[in-house]
C-alpha cells in the first residue's frame, strides 16, 4: 500500500514529467522551424555583404533564481552582428 506522502510525491513527479514533455515538444518545434529557415536562407546568408541584407534569429530560454522562466526571440543582422 502506498503512503499518502508517497502518493503526493508520485503525483508531483507525474505533473513535472508532463510539463517537461510539453517543454521538449515546444523546443523541438522551435528547432524544426529554425532548421527550415536556415535551409531556405542559407545561400542568402553566405552572400550577405551589406547591412540589412540578411538576418539570423534564435530562441533563447532560461530560468531566473526565483523560478520564473522566460523565452526570447533574438534577431541579429548577419553583416554587423548587431
C-alpha atoms as a PDB file:
ATOM      1  CA  UNK A   1       0.000   0.000   0.000  1.00  0.00           C
ATOM      2  CA  UNK A   2       1.266   3.482  -0.873  1.00  0.00           C
ATOM      3  CA  UNK A   3       1.538   6.021   1.911  1.00  0.00           C
ATOM      4  CA  UNK A   4      -0.219   9.372   1.388  1.00  0.00           C
ATOM      5  CA  UNK A   5       3.114  11.210   1.239  1.00  0.00           C
ATOM      6  CA  UNK A   6       4.348   8.814  -1.432  1.00  0.00           C
ATOM      7  CA  UNK A   7       1.149   9.314  -3.444  1.00  0.00           C
ATOM      8  CA  UNK A   8       1.600  13.114  -3.298  1.00  0.00           C
ATOM      9  CA  UNK A   9       5.221  12.785  -4.395  1.00  0.00           C
ATOM     10  CA  UNK A  10       4.219  10.482  -7.260  1.00  0.00           C
ATOM     11  CA  UNK A  11       1.557  12.948  -8.431  1.00  0.00           C
ATOM     12  CA  UNK A  12       4.073  15.789  -8.229  1.00  0.00           C
ATOM     13  CA  UNK A  13       6.589  13.817 -10.305  1.00  0.00           C
ATOM     14  CA  UNK A  14       3.944  12.960 -12.899  1.00  0.00           C
ATOM     15  CA  UNK A  15       2.933  16.637 -13.170  1.00  0.00           C
ATOM     16  CA  UNK A  16       6.560  17.681 -13.562  1.00  0.00           C
ATOM     17  CA  UNK A  17       7.072  14.993 -16.213  1.00  0.00           C
ATOM     18  CA  UNK A  18       4.061  16.317 -18.151  1.00  0.00           C
ATOM     19  CA  UNK A  19       5.463  19.856 -18.030  1.00  0.00           C
ATOM     20  CA  UNK A  20       8.875  18.655 -19.211  1.00  0.00           C
ATOM     21  CA  UNK A  21       7.322  16.743 -22.109  1.00  0.00           C
ATOM     22  CA  UNK A  22       5.496  19.922 -23.206  1.00  0.00           C
ATOM     23  CA  UNK A  23       8.720  21.932 -22.958  1.00  0.00           C
ATOM     24  CA  UNK A  24      10.615  19.379 -25.049  1.00  0.00           C
ATOM     25  CA  UNK A  25       7.832  19.396 -27.651  1.00  0.00           C
ATOM     26  CA  UNK A  26       7.918  23.232 -27.833  1.00  0.00           C
ATOM     27  CA  UNK A  27      11.699  23.312 -28.182  1.00  0.00           C
ATOM     28  CA  UNK A  28      11.627  20.567 -30.814  1.00  0.00           C
ATOM     29  CA  UNK A  29       9.114  22.566 -32.831  1.00  0.00           C
ATOM     30  CA  UNK A  30      11.242  25.715 -32.461  1.00  0.00           C
ATOM     31  CA  UNK A  31      14.293  23.809 -33.668  1.00  0.00           C
ATOM     32  CA  UNK A  32      12.419  22.361 -36.648  1.00  0.00           C
ATOM     33  CA  UNK A  33      11.172  25.800 -37.664  1.00  0.00           C
ATOM     34  CA  UNK A  34      14.624  27.362 -37.366  1.00  0.00           C
ATOM     35  CA  UNK A  35      16.240  24.491 -39.285  1.00  0.00           C
ATOM     36  CA  UNK A  36      13.741  25.032 -42.086  1.00  0.00           C
ATOM     37  CA  UNK A  37      14.502  28.769 -42.163  1.00  0.00           C
ATOM     38  CA  UNK A  38      18.250  28.106 -42.259  1.00  0.00           C
ATOM     39  CA  UNK A  39      17.881  25.665 -45.144  1.00  0.00           C
ATOM     40  CA  UNK A  40      15.815  28.164 -47.121  1.00  0.00           C
ATOM     41  CA  UNK A  41      18.043  31.167 -46.439  1.00  0.00           C
ATOM     42  CA  UNK A  42      21.500  29.558 -46.244  1.00  0.00           C
ATOM     43  CA  UNK A  43      22.616  30.904 -49.590  1.00  0.00           C
ATOM     44  CA  UNK A  44      21.410  34.431 -48.800  1.00  0.00           C
ATOM     45  CA  UNK A  45      23.325  34.478 -45.521  1.00  0.00           C
ATOM     46  CA  UNK A  46      26.536  33.322 -47.194  1.00  0.00           C
ATOM     47  CA  UNK A  47      26.253  36.099 -49.797  1.00  0.00           C
ATOM     48  CA  UNK A  48      25.454  38.877 -47.304  1.00  0.00           C
ATOM     49  CA  UNK A  49      27.795  41.832 -47.827  1.00  0.00           C
ATOM     50  CA  UNK A  50      25.661  44.785 -46.669  1.00  0.00           C
ATOM     51  CA  UNK A  51      23.698  45.896 -43.620  1.00  0.00           C
ATOM     52  CA  UNK A  52      20.060  44.678 -43.540  1.00  0.00           C
ATOM     53  CA  UNK A  53      20.666  42.105 -46.268  1.00  0.00           C
ATOM     54  CA  UNK A  54      20.366  39.012 -44.085  1.00  0.00           C
ATOM     55  CA  UNK A  55      19.204  38.367 -40.558  1.00  0.00           C
ATOM     56  CA  UNK A  56      19.746  35.493 -38.160  1.00  0.00           C
ATOM     57  CA  UNK A  57      17.307  34.525 -35.415  1.00  0.00           C
ATOM     58  CA  UNK A  58      17.226  32.138 -32.487  1.00  0.00           C
ATOM     59  CA  UNK A  59      15.112  31.365 -29.449  1.00  0.00           C
ATOM     60  CA  UNK A  60      16.703  31.737 -26.017  1.00  0.00           C
ATOM     61  CA  UNK A  61      15.203  30.432 -22.800  1.00  0.00           C
ATOM     62  CA  UNK A  62      16.351  30.462 -19.209  1.00  0.00           C
ATOM     63  CA  UNK A  63      15.126  30.334 -15.646  1.00  0.00           C
ATOM     64  CA  UNK A  64      15.675  33.041 -13.045  1.00  0.00           C
ATOM     65  CA  UNK A  65      16.726  32.317  -9.457  1.00  0.00           C
ATOM     66  CA  UNK A  66      13.148  32.862  -8.277  1.00  0.00           C
ATOM     67  CA  UNK A  67      11.950  30.095 -10.631  1.00  0.00           C
ATOM     68  CA  UNK A  68      10.370  32.320 -13.284  1.00  0.00           C
ATOM     69  CA  UNK A  69      11.101  31.117 -16.795  1.00  0.00           C
ATOM     70  CA  UNK A  70      11.362  33.295 -19.858  1.00  0.00           C
ATOM     71  CA  UNK A  71      11.832  32.836 -23.593  1.00  0.00           C
ATOM     72  CA  UNK A  72      13.035  35.421 -26.079  1.00  0.00           C
ATOM     73  CA  UNK A  73      13.470  35.582 -29.820  1.00  0.00           C
ATOM     74  CA  UNK A  74      16.807  37.167 -30.715  1.00  0.00           C
ATOM     75  CA  UNK A  75      17.296  38.700 -34.152  1.00  0.00           C
ATOM     76  CA  UNK A  76      20.740  39.781 -35.404  1.00  0.00           C
ATOM     77  CA  UNK A  77      21.938  41.426 -38.603  1.00  0.00           C
ATOM     78  CA  UNK A  78      24.407  38.938 -40.133  1.00  0.00           C
ATOM     79  CA  UNK A  79      26.691  41.647 -41.540  1.00  0.00           C
ATOM     80  CA  UNK A  80      27.069  43.859 -38.440  1.00  0.00           C
ATOM     81  CA  UNK A  81      26.291  41.245 -35.749  1.00  0.00           C
ATOM     82  CA  UNK A  82      24.082  43.816 -34.003  1.00  0.00           C
END
